[in-house]
Amino acid sequence: MKIELLKNAKRKCNILLIDDLFSTGATLNECAKALKTDELVDNIYVLALTKTRD
């Protein structure tokens, strides 16, 4: 899987990635790798929410 950055930030910023499922982390790792190529991206935070059945 390859995720690429389509636009660069216009000012210094922090990014919050929201995902509905975190298992291997492959998608979030690829997103973070692409975002880190932008020198204006300061910090990258991740929120993953999953509801499981009992």
N, C-alpha and C. Protein backbone atom coordinates (compact mmCIF):
# COMPACT_ATOMS: atom_id res chain seq x y z
N MET A 1 0.84 -1.17 0.00
CA MET A 1 0.00 0.00 0.00
C MET A 1 0.89 1.23 0.00
N LYS A 2 0.56 2.18 -0.85
CA LYS A 2 1.31 3.43 -0.89
C LYS A 2 0.32 4.57 -0.77
N ILE A 3 0.54 5.40 0.22
CA ILE A 3 -0.27 6.59 0.43
C ILE A 3 0.62 7.78 0.15
N GLU A 4 0.13 8.72 -0.65
CA GLU A 4 0.95 9.87 -0.99
C GLU A 4 0.26 11.16 -0.61
N LEU A 5 1.06 12.14 -0.30
CA LEU A 5 0.59 13.46 0.09
C LEU A 5 0.23 14.24 -1.17
N LEU A 6 -1.01 14.74 -1.26
CA LEU A 6 -1.45 15.47 -2.44
C LEU A 6 -1.22 16.97 -2.32
N LYS A 7 -1.30 17.49 -1.10
CA LYS A 7 -1.09 18.93 -0.87
C LYS A 7 -0.20 19.11 0.34
N ASN A 8 0.62 20.13 0.33
CA ASN A 8 1.44 20.47 1.48
C ASN A 8 0.70 21.48 2.35
N ALA A 9 1.04 21.50 3.62
CA ALA A 9 0.44 22.46 4.55
C ALA A 9 0.89 23.87 4.17
N LYS A 10 0.06 24.84 4.49
CA LYS A 10 0.39 26.23 4.19
C LYS A 10 1.01 26.94 5.38
N ARG A 11 0.90 26.33 6.55
CA ARG A 11 1.52 26.87 7.76
C ARG A 11 1.83 25.70 8.69
N LYS A 12 2.65 25.94 9.69
CA LYS A 12 3.04 24.89 10.64
C LYS A 12 1.78 24.38 11.35
N CYS A 13 1.64 23.06 11.45
CA CYS A 13 0.43 22.50 12.04
C CYS A 13 0.69 21.13 12.67
N ASN A 14 -0.24 20.73 13.49
CA ASN A 14 -0.29 19.38 14.05
C ASN A 14 -1.42 18.64 13.34
N ILE A 15 -1.29 17.33 13.23
CA ILE A 15 -2.27 16.52 12.52
C ILE A 15 -2.86 15.48 13.47
N LEU A 16 -4.16 15.29 13.39
CA LEU A 16 -4.84 14.23 14.12
C LEU A 16 -5.41 13.26 13.10
N LEU A 17 -4.92 12.02 13.11
CA LEU A 17 -5.45 10.96 12.25
C LEU A 17 -6.47 10.16 13.06
N ILE A 18 -7.62 9.91 12.48
CA ILE A 18 -8.67 9.14 13.16
C ILE A 18 -8.92 7.89 12.34
N ASP A 19 -8.87 6.75 13.01
CA ASP A 19 -9.06 5.46 12.34
C ASP A 19 -10.11 4.67 13.10
N ASP A 20 -10.85 3.83 12.39
CA ASP A 20 -11.90 3.05 13.03
C ASP A 20 -11.42 1.69 13.52
N LEU A 21 -10.24 1.28 13.09
CA LEU A 21 -9.73 -0.02 13.52
C LEU A 21 -8.21 0.02 13.48
N PHE A 22 -7.58 -0.41 14.55
CA PHE A 22 -6.12 -0.48 14.60
C PHE A 22 -5.75 -1.92 14.85
N SER A 23 -5.17 -2.58 13.84
CA SER A 23 -4.74 -3.96 14.05
C SER A 23 -3.23 -4.06 13.83
N THR A 24 -2.77 -3.93 12.61
CA THR A 24 -1.33 -4.01 12.36
C THR A 24 -0.68 -2.64 12.37
N GLY A 25 -1.46 -1.60 12.15
CA GLY A 25 -0.91 -0.25 12.10
C GLY A 25 -0.33 0.13 10.75
N ALA A 26 -0.47 -0.73 9.76
CA ALA A 26 0.13 -0.49 8.45
C ALA A 26 -0.42 0.78 7.79
N THR A 27 -1.72 0.96 7.82
CA THR A 27 -2.32 2.14 7.18
C THR A 27 -1.88 3.42 7.88
N LEU A 28 -1.93 3.43 9.20
CA LEU A 28 -1.53 4.62 9.95
C LEU A 28 -0.03 4.91 9.77
N ASN A 29 0.78 3.89 9.71
CA ASN A 29 2.22 4.09 9.47
C ASN A 29 2.47 4.72 8.10
N GLU A 30 1.75 4.26 7.09
CA GLU A 30 1.92 4.83 5.75
C GLU A 30 1.43 6.27 5.71
N CYS A 31 0.33 6.56 6.38
CA CYS A 31 -0.17 7.95 6.45
C CYS A 31 0.85 8.85 7.14
N ALA A 32 1.36 8.40 8.26
CA ALA A 32 2.35 9.20 9.00
C ALA A 32 3.62 9.41 8.18
N LYS A 33 4.04 8.38 7.46
CA LYS A 33 5.24 8.49 6.63
C LYS A 33 5.05 9.56 5.55
N ALA A 34 3.87 9.58 4.94
CA ALA A 34 3.59 10.58 3.91
C ALA A 34 3.52 11.98 4.52
N LEU A 35 2.89 12.11 5.68
CA LEU A 35 2.76 13.42 6.32
C LEU A 35 4.11 13.97 6.76
N LYS A 36 5.02 13.09 7.17
CA LYS A 36 6.34 13.53 7.63
C LYS A 36 7.19 14.13 6.52
N THR A 37 6.81 13.92 5.27
CA THR A 37 7.55 14.52 4.17
C THR A 37 7.30 16.02 4.07
N ASP A 38 6.24 16.49 4.71
CA ASP A 38 5.91 17.93 4.71
C ASP A 38 6.60 18.58 5.91
N GLU A 39 7.50 19.51 5.65
CA GLU A 39 8.27 20.13 6.73
C GLU A 39 7.41 21.01 7.64
N LEU A 40 6.21 21.36 7.22
CA LEU A 40 5.34 22.18 8.06
C LEU A 40 4.47 21.36 9.01
N VAL A 41 4.47 20.04 8.87
CA VAL A 41 3.75 19.18 9.80
C VAL A 41 4.64 18.97 11.02
N ASP A 42 4.14 19.41 12.18
CA ASP A 42 4.93 19.36 13.41
C ASP A 42 4.75 18.02 14.11
N ASN A 43 3.58 17.80 14.66
CA ASN A 43 3.28 16.55 15.39
C ASN A 43 2.14 15.82 14.71
N ILE A 44 2.17 14.49 14.81
CA ILE A 44 1.10 13.65 14.27
C ILE A 44 0.55 12.83 15.43
N TYR A 45 -0.74 12.97 15.65
CA TYR A 45 -1.43 12.23 16.72
C TYR A 45 -2.41 11.26 16.08
N VAL A 46 -2.68 10.16 16.79
CA VAL A 46 -3.59 9.13 16.26
C VAL A 46 -4.65 8.82 17.30
N LEU A 47 -5.89 8.71 16.83
CA LEU A 47 -7.00 8.26 17.65
C LEU A 47 -7.66 7.10 16.92
N ALA A 48 -7.69 5.94 17.54
CA ALA A 48 -8.34 4.77 16.93
C ALA A 48 -9.46 4.31 17.87
N LEU A 49 -10.65 4.18 17.32
CA LEU A 49 -11.81 3.77 18.10
C LEU A 49 -12.39 2.50 17.49
N THR A 50 -12.53 1.49 18.31
CA THR A 50 -13.12 0.24 17.85
C THR A 50 -14.04 -0.28 18.92
N LYS A 51 -15.24 -0.66 18.52
CA LYS A 51 -16.18 -1.29 19.45
C LYS A 51 -16.28 -2.77 19.09
N THR A 52 -16.07 -3.61 20.08
CA THR A 52 -16.16 -5.05 19.84
C THR A 52 -17.37 -5.60 20.57
N ARG A 53 -17.84 -6.71 20.09
CA ARG A 53 -18.97 -7.38 20.75
C ARG A 53 -18.45 -8.33 21.81
N ASP A 54 -19.20 -8.48 22.87
CA ASP A 54 -18.81 -9.42 23.94
C ASP A 54 -19.09 -10.84 23.56
